[in-house]
Every structure is written in structure tokens, then in C-alpha cells.
Amino acid sequence: MTHLIDAYTRWSNEPCPPGSSRDDIDLLHAELATVDLWLADMVIPYVESGKRFPLKVDISEALRHLSGGVCRLRESAQRQDLSLLDRYALYVDLMEGVFRAYEAELRF
């Protein structure tokens, strides 16, 4: 569980990045916040009390979609948006890390 705790700590210590005044980036932010909530609903009860509440959503696919969205938006982003998109990419990486660690923990 050490790997999961480490990934969980890194993810939970990083604030969710803010939205944007640009509609396409803000839409991606809404998706990021939704996946963050799904992940929290699944992982936090397990880490804090060993309770499992499997979700009926494909978090792995949602994370892939988010990563792809960040990459696509970076291609057309203005300089001032790149910093925010970098924060989104970092946060998606943290969510992927905690999700993979959670999955690995449940396989044992």
C-alpha cells in the first residue's frame, strides 16, 4: 500500500488547477474536475478506511481523454494559456498515478 499512499499524497497535496476564460480550456477543466471527483469517490474511502466503492465509469478512458485534450489544446494555445495547460497535464499525471496505484493495490 506504500506506493498507493505515496501517489495519493502527491495527488491530494496538489490543488486542482483553476478554470479558464477560454471556453475550450474551461470545458476541459470541467472534465478534469469530474474525473477528479470520480477518483476521489473511489480512492479516498479505500485509503482512509479500507472501504471499496467501485464506480461504474471508465476512469482509465476518461484519463486518456483528458491527456489527449490537453495535448490538442496545447497545439493551438497562446502563450498565456500554456502555463495553465501545463498544470492540467501535471494534475492528470497525478490522477493517473493514483489510479494505477489503486488498481495495482486491488490486484493483490
C-alpha atoms as a PDB file:
ATOM      1  CA  MET A   1       0.000   0.000   0.000  1.00  0.00           C
ATOM      2  CA  THR A   2       3.045   2.256   0.260  1.00  0.00           C
ATOM      3  CA  HIS A   3       3.002   3.028  -3.471  1.00  0.00           C
ATOM      4  CA  LEU A   4      -0.695   3.930  -3.281  1.00  0.00           C
ATOM      5  CA  ILE A   5      -0.158   6.135  -0.229  1.00  0.00           C
ATOM      6  CA  ASP A   6       2.705   7.949  -1.966  1.00  0.00           C
ATOM      7  CA  ALA A   7       0.661   8.545  -5.125  1.00  0.00           C
ATOM      8  CA  TYR A   8      -2.380   9.517  -3.052  1.00  0.00           C
ATOM      9  CA  THR A   9      -0.338  12.025  -1.034  1.00  0.00           C
ATOM     10  CA  ARG A  10       1.139  13.643  -4.155  1.00  0.00           C
ATOM     11  CA  TRP A  11      -2.322  13.922  -5.749  1.00  0.00           C
ATOM     12  CA  SER A  12      -4.119  15.173  -2.641  1.00  0.00           C
ATOM     13  CA  ASN A  13      -1.421  17.776  -1.919  1.00  0.00           C
ATOM     14  CA  GLU A  14      -1.742  19.320  -5.382  1.00  0.00           C
ATOM     15  CA  PRO A  15      -4.696  21.693  -5.730  1.00  0.00           C
ATOM     16  CA  CYS A  16      -6.929  21.155  -8.721  1.00  0.00           C
ATOM     17  CA  PRO A  17      -5.945  23.781 -11.292  1.00  0.00           C
ATOM     18  CA  PRO A  18      -8.336  26.667 -11.966  1.00  0.00           C
ATOM     19  CA  GLY A  19     -10.636  27.097 -14.929  1.00  0.00           C
ATOM     20  CA  SER A  20     -10.084  29.478 -17.800  1.00  0.00           C
ATOM     21  CA  SER A  21     -11.865  32.316 -19.548  1.00  0.00           C
ATOM     22  CA  ARG A  22     -11.255  30.446 -22.809  1.00  0.00           C
ATOM     23  CA  ASP A  23     -14.281  28.207 -23.428  1.00  0.00           C
ATOM     24  CA  ASP A  24     -12.417  25.201 -24.838  1.00  0.00           C
ATOM     25  CA  ILE A  25      -9.953  25.159 -21.954  1.00  0.00           C
ATOM     26  CA  ASP A  26     -12.723  25.668 -19.420  1.00  0.00           C
ATOM     27  CA  LEU A  27     -14.640  22.734 -20.895  1.00  0.00           C
ATOM     28  CA  LEU A  28     -11.544  20.581 -20.409  1.00  0.00           C
ATOM     29  CA  HIS A  29     -11.331  21.906 -16.847  1.00  0.00           C
ATOM     30  CA  ALA A  30     -14.912  20.753 -16.213  1.00  0.00           C
ATOM     31  CA  GLU A  31     -13.974  17.270 -17.421  1.00  0.00           C
ATOM     32  CA  LEU A  32     -10.847  17.307 -15.253  1.00  0.00           C
ATOM     33  CA  ALA A  33     -12.898  18.258 -12.185  1.00  0.00           C
ATOM     34  CA  THR A  34     -15.428  15.500 -12.920  1.00  0.00           C
ATOM     35  CA  VAL A  35     -12.764  12.812 -13.222  1.00  0.00           C
ATOM     36  CA  ASP A  36     -11.101  14.175 -10.085  1.00  0.00           C
ATOM     37  CA  LEU A  37     -14.389  13.710  -8.215  1.00  0.00           C
ATOM     38  CA  TRP A  38     -14.849  10.171  -9.551  1.00  0.00           C
ATOM     39  CA  LEU A  39     -11.333   9.280  -8.472  1.00  0.00           C
ATOM     40  CA  ALA A  40     -11.821  10.846  -5.042  1.00  0.00           C
ATOM     41  CA  ASP A  41     -15.081   8.932  -4.530  1.00  0.00           C
ATOM     42  CA  MET A  42     -13.283   5.683  -5.244  1.00  0.00           C
ATOM     43  CA  VAL A  43      -9.814   6.124  -3.755  1.00  0.00           C
ATOM     44  CA  ILE A  44     -10.311   8.204  -0.605  1.00  0.00           C
ATOM     45  CA  PRO A  45     -12.621   5.722   1.191  1.00  0.00           C
ATOM     46  CA  TYR A  46     -10.196   2.915   0.377  1.00  0.00           C
ATOM     47  CA  VAL A  47      -7.101   4.754   1.603  1.00  0.00           C
ATOM     48  CA  GLU A  48      -8.744   6.163   4.712  1.00  0.00           C
ATOM     49  CA  SER A  49     -10.804   3.182   5.854  1.00  0.00           C
ATOM     50  CA  GLY A  50     -10.260   0.239   3.506  1.00  0.00           C
ATOM     51  CA  LYS A  51     -13.765   0.558   2.041  1.00  0.00           C
ATOM     52  CA  ARG A  52     -14.285  -0.108  -1.634  1.00  0.00           C
ATOM     53  CA  PHE A  53     -16.896   1.696  -3.658  1.00  0.00           C
ATOM     54  CA  PRO A  54     -16.321   0.691  -7.276  1.00  0.00           C
ATOM     55  CA  LEU A  55     -17.663   3.170  -9.790  1.00  0.00           C
ATOM     56  CA  LYS A  56     -19.481   2.352 -12.983  1.00  0.00           C
ATOM     57  CA  VAL A  57     -17.398   4.737 -15.046  1.00  0.00           C
ATOM     58  CA  ASP A  58     -14.275   4.084 -17.068  1.00  0.00           C
ATOM     59  CA  ILE A  59     -11.743   6.249 -15.266  1.00  0.00           C
ATOM     60  CA  SER A  60      -8.898   4.893 -17.352  1.00  0.00           C
ATOM     61  CA  GLU A  61     -10.604   6.018 -20.570  1.00  0.00           C
ATOM     62  CA  ALA A  62     -11.515   9.373 -19.013  1.00  0.00           C
ATOM     63  CA  LEU A  63      -7.868   9.953 -18.088  1.00  0.00           C
ATOM     64  CA  ARG A  64      -6.771   9.080 -21.639  1.00  0.00           C
ATOM     65  CA  HIS A  65      -9.349  11.511 -22.985  1.00  0.00           C
ATOM     66  CA  LEU A  66      -8.098  14.253 -20.657  1.00  0.00           C
ATOM     67  CA  SER A  67      -4.479  13.687 -21.684  1.00  0.00           C
ATOM     68  CA  GLY A  68      -5.447  13.873 -25.332  1.00  0.00           C
ATOM     69  CA  GLY A  69      -7.454  17.029 -24.720  1.00  0.00           C
ATOM     70  CA  VAL A  70      -4.525  18.739 -23.028  1.00  0.00           C
ATOM     71  CA  CYS A  71      -2.235  17.810 -25.941  1.00  0.00           C
ATOM     72  CA  ARG A  72      -4.719  19.066 -28.552  1.00  0.00           C
ATOM     73  CA  LEU A  73      -5.262  22.360 -26.754  1.00  0.00           C
ATOM     74  CA  ARG A  74      -1.523  22.914 -26.333  1.00  0.00           C
ATOM     75  CA  GLU A  75      -1.151  22.831 -30.129  1.00  0.00           C
ATOM     76  CA  SER A  76      -3.318  25.941 -30.549  1.00  0.00           C
ATOM     77  CA  ALA A  77      -2.750  27.627 -27.198  1.00  0.00           C
ATOM     78  CA  GLN A  78      -1.492  31.129 -26.777  1.00  0.00           C
ATOM     79  CA  ARG A  79       1.500  31.687 -24.542  1.00  0.00           C
ATOM     80  CA  GLN A  80      -0.607  32.766 -21.555  1.00  0.00           C
ATOM     81  CA  ASP A  81      -2.613  29.507 -21.733  1.00  0.00           C
ATOM     82  CA  LEU A  82       0.382  27.165 -21.859  1.00  0.00           C
ATOM     83  CA  SER A  83       1.154  27.538 -18.159  1.00  0.00           C
ATOM     84  CA  LEU A  84      -2.400  26.573 -17.215  1.00  0.00           C
ATOM     85  CA  LEU A  85      -2.370  23.632 -19.624  1.00  0.00           C
ATOM     86  CA  ASP A  86       0.921  22.504 -18.087  1.00  0.00           C
ATOM     87  CA  ARG A  87      -0.820  22.487 -14.700  1.00  0.00           C
ATOM     88  CA  TYR A  88      -3.651  20.424 -16.202  1.00  0.00           C
ATOM     89  CA  ALA A  89      -1.129  17.946 -17.619  1.00  0.00           C
ATOM     90  CA  LEU A  90       0.604  17.656 -14.249  1.00  0.00           C
ATOM     91  CA  TYR A  91      -2.700  17.093 -12.477  1.00  0.00           C
ATOM     92  CA  VAL A  92      -3.784  14.451 -14.991  1.00  0.00           C
ATOM     93  CA  ASP A  93      -0.437  12.699 -14.430  1.00  0.00           C
ATOM     94  CA  LEU A  94      -1.052  12.734 -10.666  1.00  0.00           C
ATOM     95  CA  MET A  95      -4.556  11.317 -11.148  1.00  0.00           C
ATOM     96  CA  GLU A  96      -3.184   8.615 -13.439  1.00  0.00           C
ATOM     97  CA  GLY A  97      -0.553   7.750 -10.854  1.00  0.00           C
ATOM     98  CA  VAL A  98      -3.012   7.340  -8.019  1.00  0.00           C
ATOM     99  CA  PHE A  99      -5.444   5.412 -10.221  1.00  0.00           C
ATOM    100  CA  ARG A 100      -2.752   2.969 -11.399  1.00  0.00           C
ATOM    101  CA  ALA A 101      -1.532   2.503  -7.817  1.00  0.00           C
ATOM    102  CA  TYR A 102      -5.116   1.883  -6.659  1.00  0.00           C
ATOM    103  CA  GLU A 103      -5.652  -0.704  -9.399  1.00  0.00           C
ATOM    104  CA  ALA A 104      -2.363  -2.426  -8.534  1.00  0.00           C
ATOM    105  CA  GLU A 105      -3.306  -2.490  -4.848  1.00  0.00           C
ATOM    106  CA  LEU A 106      -6.599  -4.219  -5.605  1.00  0.00           C
ATOM    107  CA  ARG A 107      -4.892  -6.917  -7.690  1.00  0.00           C
ATOM    108  CA  PHE A 108      -3.052  -8.156  -4.596  1.00  0.00           C
END
